Amino acid sequence: MDISHTNALERIARVLAGIELSRNGDGDGASVGPQVDQTWQEYLDTARAVLNSLREPDQRMAAAGDGELWTRMVRAGLGEQVEPRASESRSWEPEPYQKPLG
């Protein structure tokens, strides 16, 4: 399984910044990578709201997998302390807990 080295809130905030700045979204910039690097933190509150809205899986998502696990993963992405279930095995080593951004 691929594991991102960037936390979920930052990734969402960067997407939101890119949408606003890029001409492919609401902005007028052709290549906005440097501006996204400078402004993504301004979008953390919105990113947190987006991720929080995904806390519970919808019916289709729940039918595809473990809804409880999904909720726990989203909570972890929000920076909440979530302990792994004893029966879970990992193919990766968890990083030490980091305080959420923002």
PDB file of N, CA and C in Angstrom:
ATOM      1  N   MET A   1       0.844  -1.168   0.000  1.00  0.00           N
ATOM      2  CA  MET A   1       0.000   0.000   0.000  1.00  0.00           C
ATOM      3  C   MET A   1       0.892   1.235   0.000  1.00  0.00           C
ATOM      4  N   ASP A   2       0.538   2.196  -0.851  1.00  0.00           N
ATOM      5  CA  ASP A   2       1.257   3.464  -0.856  1.00  0.00           C
ATOM      6  C   ASP A   2       0.826   4.291   0.350  1.00  0.00           C
ATOM      7  N   ILE A   3       1.789   4.912   1.006  1.00  0.00           N
ATOM      8  CA  ILE A   3       1.531   5.755   2.163  1.00  0.00           C
ATOM      9  C   ILE A   3       2.094   7.135   1.863  1.00  0.00           C
ATOM     10  N   SER A   4       1.263   8.166   1.994  1.00  0.00           N
ATOM     11  CA  SER A   4       1.712   9.528   1.727  1.00  0.00           C
ATOM     12  C   SER A   4       2.608  10.013   2.862  1.00  0.00           C
ATOM     13  N   HIS A   5       3.598  10.796   2.519  1.00  0.00           N
ATOM     14  CA  HIS A   5       4.469  11.400   3.519  1.00  0.00           C
ATOM     15  C   HIS A   5       3.993  12.795   3.909  1.00  0.00           C
ATOM     16  N   THR A   6       2.893  13.239   3.306  1.00  0.00           N
ATOM     17  CA  THR A   6       2.278  14.523   3.624  1.00  0.00           C
ATOM     18  C   THR A   6       0.933  14.236   4.267  1.00  0.00           C
ATOM     19  N   ASN A   7       0.637  14.903   5.384  1.00  0.00           N
ATOM     20  CA  ASN A   7      -0.612  14.583   6.071  1.00  0.00           C
ATOM     21  C   ASN A   7      -1.825  15.038   5.262  1.00  0.00           C
ATOM     22  N   ALA A   8      -2.973  14.443   5.570  1.00  0.00           N
ATOM     23  CA  ALA A   8      -4.199  14.657   4.803  1.00  0.00           C
ATOM     24  C   ALA A   8      -4.633  16.113   4.810  1.00  0.00           C
ATOM     25  N   LEU A   9      -4.540  16.784   5.948  1.00  0.00           N
ATOM     26  CA  LEU A   9      -4.974  18.183   6.005  1.00  0.00           C
ATOM     27  C   LEU A   9      -4.139  19.061   5.084  1.00  0.00           C
ATOM     28  N   GLU A  10      -2.843  18.855   5.057  1.00  0.00           N
ATOM     29  CA  GLU A  10      -2.001  19.645   4.168  1.00  0.00           C
ATOM     30  C   GLU A  10      -2.337  19.363   2.712  1.00  0.00           C
ATOM     31  N   ARG A  11      -2.535  18.090   2.371  1.00  0.00           N
ATOM     32  CA  ARG A  11      -2.848  17.751   0.981  1.00  0.00           C
ATOM     33  C   ARG A  11      -4.153  18.401   0.534  1.00  0.00           C
ATOM     34  N   ILE A  12      -5.178  18.362   1.388  1.00  0.00           N
ATOM     35  CA  ILE A  12      -6.452  18.992   1.046  1.00  0.00           C
ATOM     36  C   ILE A  12      -6.276  20.501   0.927  1.00  0.00           C
ATOM     37  N   ALA A  13      -5.565  21.118   1.871  1.00  0.00           N
ATOM     38  CA  ALA A  13      -5.338  22.564   1.831  1.00  0.00           C
ATOM     39  C   ALA A  13      -4.601  22.960   0.557  1.00  0.00           C
ATOM     40  N   ARG A  14      -3.635  22.170   0.143  1.00  0.00           N
ATOM     41  CA  ARG A  14      -2.901  22.468  -1.092  1.00  0.00           C
ATOM     42  C   ARG A  14      -3.810  22.380  -2.319  1.00  0.00           C
ATOM     43  N   VAL A  15      -4.704  21.407  -2.339  1.00  0.00           N
ATOM     44  CA  VAL A  15      -5.652  21.300  -3.454  1.00  0.00           C
ATOM     45  C   VAL A  15      -6.561  22.524  -3.482  1.00  0.00           C
ATOM     46  N   LEU A  16      -7.062  22.927  -2.319  1.00  0.00           N
ATOM     47  CA  LEU A  16      -7.938  24.096  -2.261  1.00  0.00           C
ATOM     48  C   LEU A  16      -7.210  25.361  -2.719  1.00  0.00           C
ATOM     49  N   ALA A  17      -5.978  25.523  -2.284  1.00  0.00           N
ATOM     50  CA  ALA A  17      -5.187  26.680  -2.721  1.00  0.00           C
ATOM     51  C   ALA A  17      -4.974  26.628  -4.228  1.00  0.00           C
ATOM     52  N   GLY A  18      -4.647  25.468  -4.750  1.00  0.00           N
ATOM     53  CA  GLY A  18      -4.424  25.321  -6.180  1.00  0.00           C
ATOM     54  C   GLY A  18      -5.658  25.638  -7.000  1.00  0.00           C
ATOM     55  N   ILE A  19      -6.827  25.218  -6.513  1.00  0.00           N
ATOM     56  CA  ILE A  19      -8.074  25.509  -7.218  1.00  0.00           C
ATOM     57  C   ILE A  19      -8.305  27.015  -7.282  1.00  0.00           C
ATOM     58  N   GLU A  20      -8.064  27.686  -6.188  1.00  0.00           N
ATOM     59  CA  GLU A  20      -8.292  29.126  -6.150  1.00  0.00           C
ATOM     60  C   GLU A  20      -7.289  29.893  -7.014  1.00  0.00           C
ATOM     61  N   LEU A  21      -6.053  29.450  -7.051  1.00  0.00           N
ATOM     62  CA  LEU A  21      -4.998  30.194  -7.745  1.00  0.00           C
ATOM     63  C   LEU A  21      -4.858  29.848  -9.229  1.00  0.00           C
ATOM     64  N   SER A  22      -5.168  28.629  -9.595  1.00  0.00           N
ATOM     65  CA  SER A  22      -4.901  28.141 -10.948  1.00  0.00           C
ATOM     66  C   SER A  22      -5.998  28.536 -11.924  1.00  0.00           C
ATOM     67  N   ARG A  23      -5.608  28.753 -13.148  1.00  0.00           N
ATOM     68  CA  ARG A  23      -6.621  29.031 -14.178  1.00  0.00           C
ATOM     69  C   ARG A  23      -7.456  27.785 -14.457  1.00  0.00           C
ATOM     70  N   ASN A  24      -6.979  26.617 -14.050  1.00  0.00           N
ATOM     71  CA  ASN A  24      -7.795  25.404 -14.166  1.00  0.00           C
ATOM     72  C   ASN A  24      -8.913  25.400 -13.129  1.00  0.00           C
ATOM     73  N   GLY A  25      -8.806  26.284 -12.133  1.00  0.00           N
ATOM     74  CA  GLY A  25      -9.833  26.439 -11.115  1.00  0.00           C
ATOM     75  C   GLY A  25     -10.448  27.818 -11.229  1.00  0.00           C
ATOM     76  N   ASP A  26     -10.390  28.584 -10.135  1.00  0.00           N
ATOM     77  CA  ASP A  26     -10.993  29.911 -10.105  1.00  0.00           C
ATOM     78  C   ASP A  26     -10.003  31.035 -10.369  1.00  0.00           C
ATOM     79  N   GLY A  27      -8.723  30.732 -10.394  1.00  0.00           N
ATOM     80  CA  GLY A  27      -7.711  31.776 -10.531  1.00  0.00           C
ATOM     81  C   GLY A  27      -7.296  32.001 -11.964  1.00  0.00           C
ATOM     82  N   ASP A  28      -6.165  32.694 -12.118  1.00  0.00           N
ATOM     83  CA  ASP A  28      -5.700  32.980 -13.462  1.00  0.00           C
ATOM     84  C   ASP A  28      -4.235  32.599 -13.676  1.00  0.00           C
ATOM     85  N   GLY A  29      -3.617  31.894 -12.721  1.00  0.00           N
ATOM     86  CA  GLY A  29      -2.223  31.498 -12.844  1.00  0.00           C
ATOM     87  C   GLY A  29      -2.046  30.257 -13.697  1.00  0.00           C
ATOM     88  N   ALA A  30      -0.982  30.246 -14.498  1.00  0.00           N
ATOM     89  CA  ALA A  30      -0.685  29.083 -15.340  1.00  0.00           C
ATOM     90  C   ALA A  30       0.062  28.013 -14.553  1.00  0.00           C
ATOM     91  N   SER A  31       1.041  28.408 -13.783  1.00  0.00           N
ATOM     92  CA  SER A  31       1.818  27.487 -12.965  1.00  0.00           C
ATOM     93  C   SER A  31       1.885  28.085 -11.566  1.00  0.00           C
ATOM     94  N   VAL A  32       1.122  27.522 -10.652  1.00  0.00           N
ATOM     95  CA  VAL A  32       0.935  28.168  -9.348  1.00  0.00           C
ATOM     96  C   VAL A  32       1.599  27.418  -8.201  1.00  0.00           C
ATOM     97  N   GLY A  33       2.479  26.467  -8.509  1.00  0.00           N
ATOM     98  CA  GLY A  33       3.137  25.692  -7.454  1.00  0.00           C
ATOM     99  C   GLY A  33       3.787  26.543  -6.378  1.00  0.00           C
ATOM    100  N   PRO A  34       4.590  27.540  -6.761  1.00  0.00           N
ATOM    101  CA  PRO A  34       5.219  28.374  -5.730  1.00  0.00           C
ATOM    102  C   PRO A  34       4.203  29.132  -4.869  1.00  0.00           C
ATOM    103  N   GLN A  35       3.121  29.614  -5.489  1.00  0.00           N
ATOM    104  CA  GLN A  35       2.099  30.323  -4.714  1.00  0.00           C
ATOM    105  C   GLN A  35       1.375  29.374  -3.758  1.00  0.00           C
ATOM    106  N   VAL A  36       1.133  28.143  -4.216  1.00  0.00           N
ATOM    107  CA  VAL A  36       0.507  27.145  -3.340  1.00  0.00           C
ATOM    108  C   VAL A  36       1.420  26.874  -2.149  1.00  0.00           C
ATOM    109  N   ASP A  37       2.721  26.743  -2.404  1.00  0.00           N
ATOM    110  CA  ASP A  37       3.677  26.516  -1.316  1.00  0.00           C
ATOM    111  C   ASP A  37       3.620  27.638  -0.278  1.00  0.00           C
ATOM    112  N   GLN A  38       3.334  28.854  -0.717  1.00  0.00           N
ATOM    113  CA  GLN A  38       3.315  30.006   0.185  1.00  0.00           C
ATOM    114  C   GLN A  38       1.979  30.204   0.887  1.00  0.00           C
ATOM    115  N   THR A  39       0.883  29.696   0.316  1.00  0.00           N
ATOM    116  CA  THR A  39      -0.442  30.049   0.842  1.00  0.00           C
ATOM    117  C   THR A  39      -1.275  28.898   1.372  1.00  0.00           C
ATOM    118  N   TRP A  40      -0.841  27.644   1.198  1.00  0.00           N
ATOM    119  CA  TRP A  40      -1.710  26.522   1.543  1.00  0.00           C
ATOM    120  C   TRP A  40      -2.165  26.544   2.998  1.00  0.00           C
ATOM    121  N   GLN A  41      -1.366  27.080   3.896  1.00  0.00           N
ATOM    122  CA  GLN A  41      -1.754  27.092   5.317  1.00  0.00           C
ATOM    123  C   GLN A  41      -2.986  27.961   5.573  1.00  0.00           C
ATOM    124  N   GLU A  42      -3.257  28.900   4.681  1.00  0.00           N
ATOM    125  CA  GLU A  42      -4.447  29.736   4.805  1.00  0.00           C
ATOM    126  C   GLU A  42      -5.728  28.930   4.580  1.00  0.00           C
ATOM    127  N   TYR A  43      -5.598  27.738   4.043  1.00  0.00           N
ATOM    128  CA  TYR A  43      -6.748  26.904   3.715  1.00  0.00           C
ATOM    129  C   TYR A  43      -6.952  25.756   4.708  1.00  0.00           C
ATOM    130  N   LEU A  44      -6.205  25.752   5.797  1.00  0.00           N
ATOM    131  CA  LEU A  44      -6.288  24.637   6.746  1.00  0.00           C
ATOM    132  C   LEU A  44      -7.653  24.520   7.415  1.00  0.00           C
ATOM    133  N   ASP A  45      -8.286  25.630   7.753  1.00  0.00           N
ATOM    134  CA  ASP A  45      -9.607  25.536   8.384  1.00  0.00           C
ATOM    135  C   ASP A  45     -10.620  24.896   7.427  1.00  0.00           C
ATOM    136  N   THR A  46     -10.569  25.298   6.166  1.00  0.00           N
ATOM    137  CA  THR A  46     -11.478  24.703   5.178  1.00  0.00           C
ATOM    138  C   THR A  46     -11.127  23.238   4.958  1.00  0.00           C
ATOM    139  N   ALA A  47      -9.849  22.929   4.907  1.00  0.00           N
ATOM    140  CA  ALA A  47      -9.424  21.537   4.752  1.00  0.00           C
ATOM    141  C   ALA A  47      -9.922  20.689   5.917  1.00  0.00           C
ATOM    142  N   ARG A  48      -9.830  21.222   7.120  1.00  0.00           N
ATOM    143  CA  ARG A  48     -10.309  20.502   8.301  1.00  0.00           C
ATOM    144  C   ARG A  48     -11.815  20.254   8.189  1.00  0.00           C
ATOM    145  N   ALA A  49     -12.567  21.250   7.717  1.00  0.00           N
ATOM    146  CA  ALA A  49     -14.012  21.097   7.552  1.00  0.00           C
ATOM    147  C   ALA A  49     -14.332  20.034   6.508  1.00  0.00           C
ATOM    148  N   VAL A  50     -13.580  20.024   5.402  1.00  0.00           N
ATOM    149  CA  VAL A  50     -13.794  19.019   4.355  1.00  0.00           C
ATOM    150  C   VAL A  50     -13.524  17.620   4.905  1.00  0.00           C
ATOM    151  N   LEU A  51     -12.390  17.445   5.569  1.00  0.00           N
ATOM    152  CA  LEU A  51     -12.059  16.121   6.095  1.00  0.00           C
ATOM    153  C   LEU A  51     -13.058  15.703   7.168  1.00  0.00           C
ATOM    154  N   ASN A  52     -13.486  16.642   8.006  1.00  0.00           N
ATOM    155  CA  ASN A  52     -14.462  16.329   9.042  1.00  0.00           C
ATOM    156  C   ASN A  52     -15.789  15.878   8.429  1.00  0.00           C
ATOM    157  N   SER A  53     -16.149  16.452   7.280  1.00  0.00           N
ATOM    158  CA  SER A  53     -17.400  16.061   6.625  1.00  0.00           C
ATOM    159  C   SER A  53     -17.342  14.632   6.107  1.00  0.00           C
ATOM    160  N   LEU A  54     -16.143  14.093   5.951  1.00  0.00           N
ATOM    161  CA  LEU A  54     -15.975  12.725   5.464  1.00  0.00           C
ATOM    162  C   LEU A  54     -15.820  11.712   6.598  1.00  0.00           C
ATOM    163  N   ARG A  55     -16.032  12.149   7.836  1.00  0.00           N
ATOM    164  CA  ARG A  55     -15.830  11.287   8.996  1.00  0.00           C
ATOM    165  C   ARG A  55     -16.638   9.994   8.901  1.00  0.00           C
ATOM    166  N   GLU A  56     -17.885  10.087   8.482  1.00  0.00           N
ATOM    167  CA  GLU A  56     -18.714   8.894   8.341  1.00  0.00           C
ATOM    168  C   GLU A  56     -18.779   8.500   6.870  1.00  0.00           C
ATOM    169  N   PRO A  57     -18.573   7.222   6.566  1.00  0.00           N
ATOM    170  CA  PRO A  57     -18.676   6.782   5.170  1.00  0.00           C
ATOM    171  C   PRO A  57     -20.137   6.805   4.719  1.00  0.00           C
ATOM    172  N   ASP A  58     -20.363   7.033   3.438  1.00  0.00           N
ATOM    173  CA  ASP A  58     -21.727   6.917   2.926  1.00  0.00           C
ATOM    174  C   ASP A  58     -22.024   5.429   2.687  1.00  0.00           C
ATOM    175  N   GLN A  59     -23.221   5.119   2.238  1.00  0.00           N
ATOM    176  CA  GLN A  59     -23.618   3.716   2.089  1.00  0.00           C
ATOM    177  C   GLN A  59     -22.735   2.975   1.092  1.00  0.00           C
ATOM    178  N   ARG A  60     -22.411   3.616   0.010  1.00  0.00           N
ATOM    179  CA  ARG A  60     -21.581   2.955  -1.005  1.00  0.00           C
ATOM    180  C   ARG A  60     -20.176   2.680  -0.468  1.00  0.00           C
ATOM    181  N   MET A  61     -19.605   3.648   0.265  1.00  0.00           N
ATOM    182  CA  MET A  61     -18.284   3.467   0.845  1.00  0.00           C
ATOM    183  C   MET A  61     -18.297   2.343   1.879  1.00  0.00           C
ATOM    184  N   ALA A  62     -19.324   2.340   2.725  1.00  0.00           N
ATOM    185  CA  ALA A  62     -19.418   1.311   3.763  1.00  0.00           C
ATOM    186  C   ALA A  62     -19.569  -0.078   3.151  1.00  0.00           C
ATOM    187  N   ALA A  63     -20.263  -0.162   2.030  1.00  0.00           N
ATOM    188  CA  ALA A  63     -20.443  -1.455   1.372  1.00  0.00           C
ATOM    189  C   ALA A  63     -19.130  -1.963   0.784  1.00  0.00           C
ATOM    190  N   ALA A  64     -18.203  -1.042   0.479  1.00  0.00           N
ATOM    191  CA  ALA A  64     -16.935  -1.430  -0.140  1.00  0.00           C
ATOM    192  C   ALA A  64     -15.881  -1.843   0.879  1.00  0.00           C
ATOM    193  N   GLY A  65     -16.076  -1.504   2.156  1.00  0.00           N
ATOM    194  CA  GLY A  65     -15.046  -1.822   3.130  1.00  0.00           C
ATOM    195  C   GLY A  65     -15.514  -1.605   4.559  1.00  0.00           C
ATOM    196  N   ASP A  66     -14.566  -1.488   5.443  1.00  0.00           N
ATOM    197  CA  ASP A  66     -14.807  -1.373   6.873  1.00  0.00           C
ATOM    198  C   ASP A  66     -15.104   0.078   7.248  1.00  0.00           C
ATOM    199  N   GLY A  67     -16.377   0.389   7.472  1.00  0.00           N
ATOM    200  CA  GLY A  67     -16.781   1.754   7.807  1.00  0.00           C
ATOM    201  C   GLY A  67     -16.185   2.253   9.105  1.00  0.00           C
ATOM    202  N   GLU A  68     -16.055   1.388  10.093  1.00  0.00           N
ATOM    203  CA  GLU A  68     -15.460   1.789  11.374  1.00  0.00           C
ATOM    204  C   GLU A  68     -13.993   2.158  11.180  1.00  0.00           C
ATOM    205  N   LEU A  69     -13.299   1.368  10.400  1.00  0.00           N
ATOM    206  CA  LEU A  69     -11.897   1.664  10.126  1.00  0.00           C
ATOM    207  C   LEU A  69     -11.768   3.006   9.404  1.00  0.00           C
ATOM    208  N   TRP A  70     -12.636   3.251   8.425  1.00  0.00           N
ATOM    209  CA  TRP A  70     -12.630   4.527   7.707  1.00  0.00           C
ATOM    210  C   TRP A  70     -12.766   5.689   8.692  1.00  0.00           C
ATOM    211  N   THR A  71     -13.751   5.604   9.576  1.00  0.00           N
ATOM    212  CA  THR A  71     -13.987   6.682  10.535  1.00  0.00           C
ATOM    213  C   THR A  71     -12.767   6.898  11.412  1.00  0.00           C
ATOM    214  N   ARG A  72     -12.140   5.837  11.852  1.00  0.00           N
ATOM    215  CA  ARG A  72     -10.944   5.948  12.685  1.00  0.00           C
ATOM    216  C   ARG A  72      -9.796   6.583  11.910  1.00  0.00           C
ATOM    217  N   MET A  73      -9.674   6.243  10.630  1.00  0.00           N
ATOM    218  CA  MET A  73      -8.614   6.817   9.805  1.00  0.00           C
ATOM    219  C   MET A  73      -8.842   8.323   9.601  1.00  0.00           C
ATOM    220  N   VAL A  74     -10.075   8.723   9.355  1.00  0.00           N
ATOM    221  CA  VAL A  74     -10.367  10.150   9.184  1.00  0.00           C
ATOM    222  C   VAL A  74     -10.104  10.890  10.488  1.00  0.00           C
ATOM    223  N   ARG A  75     -10.525  10.309  11.607  1.00  0.00           N
ATOM    224  CA  ARG A  75     -10.246  10.940  12.911  1.00  0.00           C
ATOM    225  C   ARG A  75      -8.751  11.120  13.108  1.00  0.00           C
ATOM    226  N   ALA A  76      -7.965  10.130  12.733  1.00  0.00           N
ATOM    227  CA  ALA A  76      -6.507  10.243  12.839  1.00  0.00           C
ATOM    228  C   ALA A  76      -5.998  11.352  11.925  1.00  0.00           C
ATOM    229  N   GLY A  77      -6.564  11.468  10.727  1.00  0.00           N
ATOM    230  CA  GLY A  77      -6.188  12.530   9.811  1.00  0.00           C
ATOM    231  C   GLY A  77      -6.491  13.910  10.355  1.00  0.00           C
ATOM    232  N   LEU A  78      -7.503  13.999  11.210  1.00  0.00           N
ATOM    233  CA  LEU A  78      -7.863  15.260  11.856  1.00  0.00           C
ATOM    234  C   LEU A  78      -6.982  15.560  13.067  1.00  0.00           C
ATOM    235  N   GLY A  79      -6.109  14.617  13.388  1.00  0.00           N
ATOM    236  CA  GLY A  79      -5.197  14.826  14.510  1.00  0.00           C
ATOM    237  C   GLY A  79      -5.688  14.264  15.825  1.00  0.00           C
ATOM    238  N   GLU A  80      -6.805  13.540  15.806  1.00  0.00           N
ATOM    239  CA  GLU A  80      -7.313  12.930  17.027  1.00  0.00           C
ATOM    240  C   GLU A  80      -6.482  11.692  17.360  1.00  0.00           C
ATOM    241  N   GLN A  81      -6.329  11.408  18.632  1.00  0.00           N
ATOM    242  CA  GLN A  81      -5.585  10.225  19.050  1.00  0.00           C
ATOM    243  C   GLN A  81      -6.467   8.993  18.832  1.00  0.00           C
ATOM    244  N   VAL A  82      -6.035   8.094  17.986  1.00  0.00           N
ATOM    245  CA  VAL A  82      -6.789   6.879  17.671  1.00  0.00           C
ATOM    246  C   VAL A  82      -5.834   5.707  17.802  1.00  0.00           C
ATOM    247  N   GLU A  83      -6.167   4.771  18.661  1.00  0.00           N
ATOM    248  CA  GLU A  83      -5.325   3.591  18.859  1.00  0.00           C
ATOM    249  C   GLU A  83      -5.699   2.514  17.855  1.00  0.00           C
ATOM    250  N   PRO A  84      -4.714   1.821  17.292  1.00  0.00           N
ATOM    251  CA  PRO A  84      -5.030   0.734  16.362  1.00  0.00           C
ATOM    252  C   PRO A  84      -5.713  -0.413  17.088  1.00  0.00           C
ATOM    253  N   ARG A  85      -6.585  -1.111  16.368  1.00  0.00           N
ATOM    254  CA  ARG A  85      -7.214  -2.298  16.940  1.00  0.00           C
ATOM    255  C   ARG A  85      -6.157  -3.387  17.057  1.00  0.00           C
ATOM    256  N   ALA A  86      -6.294  -4.231  18.045  1.00  0.00           N
ATOM    257  CA  ALA A  86      -5.310  -5.285  18.288  1.00  0.00           C
ATOM    258  C   ALA A  86      -5.176  -6.215  17.084  1.00  0.00           C
ATOM    259  N   SER A  87      -6.244  -6.400  16.328  1.00  0.00           N
ATOM    260  CA  SER A  87      -6.217  -7.342  15.210  1.00  0.00           C
ATOM    261  C   SER A  87      -5.630  -6.739  13.929  1.00  0.00           C
ATOM    262  N   GLU A  88      -5.328  -5.444  13.935  1.00  0.00           N
ATOM    263  CA  GLU A  88      -4.813  -4.808  12.731  1.00  0.00           C
ATOM    264  C   GLU A  88      -3.325  -5.061  12.571  1.00  0.00           C
ATOM    265  N   SER A  89      -2.952  -5.385  11.372  1.00  0.00           N
ATOM    266  CA  SER A  89      -1.530  -5.501  11.073  1.00  0.00           C
ATOM    267  C   SER A  89      -1.176  -4.403  10.080  1.00  0.00           C
ATOM    268  N   ARG A  90       0.062  -3.958  10.123  1.00  0.00           N
ATOM    269  CA  ARG A  90       0.503  -2.893   9.241  1.00  0.00           C
ATOM    270  C   ARG A  90       1.682  -3.368   8.413  1.00  0.00           C
ATOM    271  N   SER A  91       1.729  -2.844   7.201  1.00  0.00           N
ATOM    272  CA  SER A  91       2.883  -3.127   6.357  1.00  0.00           C
ATOM    273  C   SER A  91       3.854  -1.957   6.394  1.00  0.00           C
ATOM    274  N   TRP A  92       3.629  -1.013   7.288  1.00  0.00           N
ATOM    275  CA  TRP A  92       4.471   0.173   7.405  1.00  0.00           C
ATOM    276  C   TRP A  92       4.605   0.516   8.875  1.00  0.00           C
ATOM    277  N   GLU A  93       5.635   1.248   9.172  1.00  0.00           N
ATOM    278  CA  GLU A  93       5.859   1.673  10.551  1.00  0.00           C
ATOM    279  C   GLU A  93       5.236   3.049  10.751  1.00  0.00           C
ATOM    280  N   PRO A  94       4.402   3.210  11.782  1.00  0.00           N
ATOM    281  CA  PRO A  94       3.792   4.517  12.007  1.00  0.00           C
ATOM    282  C   PRO A  94       4.839   5.535  12.452  1.00  0.00           C
ATOM    283  N   GLU A  95       4.618   6.776  12.030  1.00  0.00           N
ATOM    284  CA  GLU A  95       5.483   7.850  12.489  1.00  0.00           C
ATOM    285  C   GLU A  95       5.014   8.262  13.872  1.00  0.00           C
ATOM    286  N   PRO A  96       5.883   8.856  14.671  1.00  0.00           N
ATOM    287  CA  PRO A  96       5.439   9.340  15.973  1.00  0.00           C
ATOM    288  C   PRO A  96       4.304  10.342  15.797  1.00  0.00           C
ATOM    289  N   TYR A  97       3.420  10.388  16.773  1.00  0.00           N
ATOM    290  CA  TYR A  97       2.278  11.307  16.714  1.00  0.00           C
ATOM    291  C   TYR A  97       2.791  12.732  16.565  1.00  0.00           C
ATOM    292  N   GLN A  98       2.180  13.462  15.617  1.00  0.00           N
ATOM    293  CA  GLN A  98       2.519  14.853  15.411  1.00  0.00           C
ATOM    294  C   GLN A  98       1.287  15.702  15.638  1.00  0.00           C
ATOM    295  N   LYS A  99       1.477  16.826  16.274  1.00  0.00           N
ATOM    296  CA  LYS A  99       0.386  17.761  16.460  1.00  0.00           C
ATOM    297  C   LYS A  99      -0.104  18.200  15.082  1.00  0.00           C
ATOM    298  N   PRO A 100      -1.452  18.259  14.892  1.00  0.00           N
ATOM    299  CA  PRO A 100      -1.968  18.680  13.589  1.00  0.00           C
ATOM    300  C   PRO A 100      -1.530  20.096  13.244  1.00  0.00           C
ATOM    301  N   LEU A 101      -1.463  20.375  11.951  1.00  0.00           N
ATOM    302  CA  LEU A 101      -1.076  21.713  11.493  1.00  0.00           C
ATOM    303  C   LEU A 101      -2.164  22.712  11.828  1.00  0.00           C
ATOM    304  N   GLY A 102      -1.775  23.947  11.954  1.00  0.00           N
ATOM    305  CA  GLY A 102      -2.739  25.042  12.083  1.00  0.00           C
ATOM    306  C   GLY A 102      -3.069  25.452  13.439  1.00  0.00           C
TER     307      GLY A 102
END
